[in-house]
Protein backbone atom coordinates (compact mmCIF):
# COMPACT_ATOMS: atom_id res chain seq x y z
CA UNK A 1 121.60 117.81 94.30
CA UNK A 2 121.72 117.10 97.81
CA UNK A 3 118.28 115.44 99.00
CA UNK A 4 119.03 115.14 102.65
CA UNK A 5 120.59 118.55 103.67
CA UNK A 6 118.86 118.08 107.26
CA UNK A 7 115.60 117.02 107.55
CA UNK A 8 114.73 114.24 105.19
CA UNK A 9 110.67 114.10 103.48
CA UNK A 10 111.04 110.34 103.49
CA UNK A 11 113.21 107.28 105.20
CA UNK A 12 113.44 104.04 103.89
CA UNK A 13 114.89 100.86 105.28
CA UNK A 14 115.89 97.72 103.95
CA UNK A 15 116.60 94.77 106.18
CA UNK A 16 116.75 91.08 106.06
CA UNK A 17 118.36 88.51 108.63
CA UNK A 18 118.69 90.17 112.17
CA UNK A 19 116.34 92.87 110.63
CA UNK A 20 113.45 92.67 113.06
CA UNK A 21 116.07 93.06 116.58
CA UNK A 22 117.58 96.07 114.47
CA UNK A 23 114.75 97.64 113.65
CA UNK A 24 112.75 97.26 117.14
CA UNK A 25 116.12 98.80 118.25
CA UNK A 26 116.11 101.70 116.09
CA UNK A 27 112.38 102.43 116.02
CA UNK A 28 111.79 102.17 119.41
CA UNK A 29 113.67 105.28 120.39
CA UNK A 30 111.81 107.47 117.83
CA UNK A 31 108.90 109.61 119.41
CA UNK A 32 105.58 109.56 118.21
CA UNK A 33 105.25 113.08 116.13
CA UNK A 34 108.47 111.79 113.96
CA UNK A 35 108.26 114.44 111.32
CA UNK A 36 108.23 112.38 107.76
CA UNK A 37 106.91 108.68 107.10
CA UNK A 38 109.43 105.52 107.32
CA UNK A 39 108.88 102.80 105.02
CA UNK A 40 110.61 99.20 105.63
CA UNK A 41 111.12 96.34 103.32
CA UNK A 42 112.02 93.51 106.15
CA UNK A 43 112.77 90.37 104.11
CA UNK A 44 110.27 87.81 105.99
CA UNK A 45 107.23 85.57 104.87
CA UNK A 46 103.63 87.39 104.33
CA UNK A 47 102.13 85.00 107.14
CA UNK A 48 104.73 86.57 109.77
CA UNK A 49 104.63 90.43 108.58
CA UNK A 50 101.41 91.06 110.56
CA UNK A 51 102.95 89.95 114.31
CA UNK A 52 106.28 91.52 113.68
CA UNK A 53 104.04 94.79 112.95
CA UNK A 54 102.38 94.24 115.87
CA UNK A 55 105.25 93.75 118.06
CA UNK A 56 106.92 96.74 116.81
CA UNK A 57 103.60 98.97 117.39
CA UNK A 58 103.57 97.67 120.79
CA UNK A 59 106.43 98.81 121.44
CA UNK A 60 107.25 102.34 119.40
CA UNK A 61 105.76 105.26 119.78
CA UNK A 62 105.31 105.89 116.51
CA UNK A 63 102.11 104.09 114.41
CA UNK A 64 103.74 101.01 112.87
CA UNK A 65 101.30 99.48 110.48
CA UNK A 66 101.22 97.10 107.48
CA UNK A 67 101.06 98.92 104.19
CA UNK A 68 98.08 99.02 101.90
CA UNK A 69 98.02 99.32 98.43
CA UNK A 70 97.30 102.77 97.40
CA UNK A 71 98.29 104.78 100.90
CA UNK A 72 99.08 108.25 101.40
CA UNK A 73 102.28 107.98 103.51
CA UNK A 74 101.59 110.24 106.87
CA UNK A 75 104.33 111.50 108.92
CA UNK A 76 105.25 109.50 112.29
CA UNK A 77 103.83 106.43 110.23
CA UNK A 78 106.07 103.32 109.94
CA UNK A 79 104.73 101.44 107.02
CA UNK A 80 105.89 97.84 106.59
CA UNK A 81 106.16 95.78 103.03
CA UNK A 82 103.85 92.76 103.12
CA UNK A 83 105.75 89.91 102.76
CA UNK A 84 104.43 88.88 99.62
CA UNK A 85 104.79 91.43 96.77
CA UNK A 86 107.18 94.38 96.53
CA UNK A 87 106.02 97.84 98.40
CA UNK A 88 106.80 100.78 96.34
CA UNK A 89 106.18 104.41 96.24
CA UNK A 90 104.96 106.76 93.69
CA UNK A 91 103.66 110.10 93.39
CA UNK A 92 99.90 111.17 92.90
CA UNK A 93 99.04 114.71 92.67
CA UNK A 94 102.10 115.84 94.58
CA UNK A 95 101.53 113.40 97.35
CA UNK A 96 103.92 109.99 98.15
CA UNK A 97 101.11 106.78 97.84
CA UNK A 98 102.35 103.23 98.34
CA UNK A 99 102.04 100.60 95.63
CA UNK A 100 102.91 96.96 94.93
CA UNK A 101 104.12 94.64 92.57
CA UNK A 102 105.49 91.50 92.05
CA UNK A 103 109.42 90.84 91.09
CA UNK A 104 109.82 90.98 87.49
CA UNK A 105 112.54 88.28 87.65
CA UNK A 106 111.59 84.69 89.78
CA UNK A 107 115.23 84.88 91.32
CA UNK A 108 114.71 88.13 92.82
CA UNK A 109 114.07 88.55 96.46
CA UNK A 110 110.33 89.20 97.45
CA UNK A 111 110.20 91.74 99.32
CA UNK A 112 112.77 93.76 97.46
CA UNK A 113 114.65 96.19 99.36
CA UNK A 114 115.99 97.63 95.78
CA UNK A 115 111.56 97.49 94.19
CA UNK A 116 111.53 99.90 97.22
CA UNK A 117 114.53 101.70 96.69
CA UNK A 118 114.48 102.17 92.84
CA UNK A 119 110.53 103.42 93.14
CA UNK A 120 112.00 106.31 95.13
CA UNK A 121 114.64 107.16 92.65
CA UNK A 122 111.89 108.44 90.99
CA UNK A 123 110.17 110.74 93.10
CA UNK A 124 111.08 114.46 92.00
CA UNK A 125 112.19 116.77 94.91
CA UNK A 126 111.72 114.54 97.73
CA UNK A 127 114.64 114.24 100.35
CA UNK A 128 115.33 110.78 100.91
CA UNK A 129 117.18 108.52 103.44
CA UNK A 130 118.41 105.33 102.36
CA UNK A 131 119.05 102.89 104.99
CA UNK A 132 120.35 98.87 104.61
CA UNK A 133 120.64 96.95 107.85
CA UNK A 134 121.58 93.85 109.04
CA UNK A 135 120.89 90.54 106.12
CA UNK A 136 122.39 88.46 103.35
CA UNK A 137 123.23 88.97 100.03
CA UNK A 138 122.94 92.65 98.16
CA UNK A 139 119.37 93.54 97.92
CA UNK A 140 119.12 97.17 98.43
CA UNK A 141 122.63 97.88 96.58
CA UNK A 142 121.44 98.23 93.32
CA UNK A 143 118.67 100.56 94.33
CA UNK A 144 120.96 102.84 96.43
CA UNK A 145 123.17 103.38 93.43
CA UNK A 146 120.13 104.87 91.90
CA UNK A 147 118.62 106.72 95.05
CA UNK A 148 122.28 108.21 95.36
CA UNK A 149 122.24 109.28 91.44
CA UNK A 150 119.48 111.64 92.75
CA UNK A 151 120.95 113.04 95.33
CA UNK A 152 119.56 110.61 98.54
CA UNK A 153 122.08 110.23 101.42
CA UNK A 154 122.70 106.13 102.30
CA UNK A 155 123.53 104.72 105.81
CA UNK A 156 124.57 101.49 106.76
CA UNK A 157 124.36 99.29 109.66
CA UNK A 158 128.18 98.91 110.95
CA UNK A 159 129.78 95.33 110.89
CA UNK A 160 129.80 94.55 114.89
CA UNK A 161 126.06 94.80 115.50
CA UNK A 162 124.76 93.01 112.54
CA UNK A 163 123.97 89.47 112.51
CA UNK A 164 124.95 89.13 109.13
CA UNK A 165 127.26 92.25 107.23
CA UNK A 166 126.44 91.20 103.66
CA UNK A 167 123.92 93.72 102.61
CA UNK A 168 125.57 96.77 104.13
CA UNK A 169 128.83 95.54 103.09
CA UNK A 170 127.69 95.10 99.45
CA UNK A 171 126.24 99.19 100.11
CA UNK A 172 129.89 99.99 101.09
CA UNK A 173 131.64 98.23 98.10
CA UNK A 174 129.52 100.09 96.29
CA UNK A 175 130.75 103.28 96.95
CA UNK A 176 127.53 105.07 97.70
CA UNK A 177 127.42 104.90 101.28
CA UNK A 178 127.86 108.76 103.42
CA UNK A 179 127.53 106.83 106.55
CA UNK A 180 128.07 103.59 108.17
CA UNK A 181 126.67 103.72 112.17
CA UNK A 182 125.98 101.40 115.17
CA UNK A 183 121.85 100.99 115.64
CA UNK A 184 122.66 103.49 118.32
CA UNK A 185 123.91 106.42 116.61
CA UNK A 186 121.58 105.71 113.80
CA UNK A 187 118.49 106.16 116.68
CA UNK A 188 120.61 108.90 117.62
CA UNK A 189 120.94 110.78 114.42
CA UNK A 190 117.06 109.82 113.64
CA UNK A 191 115.86 112.29 116.18
CA UNK A 192 118.67 114.80 115.74
CA UNK A 193 116.92 115.08 111.95
């Protein structure tokens, strides 16, 4: 089943090195009445997350906030993971809420894009768009594979605009990517959705 025919119910974004600028570019082009929640895992120490969230919130029409545990996801709000725990999404009475967990493996990146994506792969009847932006390594690929099995769409940032092409390249090599886009193209397509 294709879970993103037109407008998704949930947008997930994973980013690492170069991510703050990429996220700023994408999110600043979206309107305040955006019709679905956006959830972000950005590799960043927790001590920097609050300032990063404030910076995004100041320049974006959307409300941007650090995700709290047990928070109901609302359209038009951007939720950014804490930097010392792995943000996850689960269903409670058919509503999407946030949860946090520590990584099982101490070698795993924290916060983890895979943890976010894997948690969302279990959401029944939720149309998901997953986006992997610039970053070192392969975080997000395993989760994108699980999401793809459930019919999600997967986009990655194209190489030219990436600070580091590692995470998008890894996802591309896995064969699950639907579109490879520049940041401008991504913003335009997100507005069209």
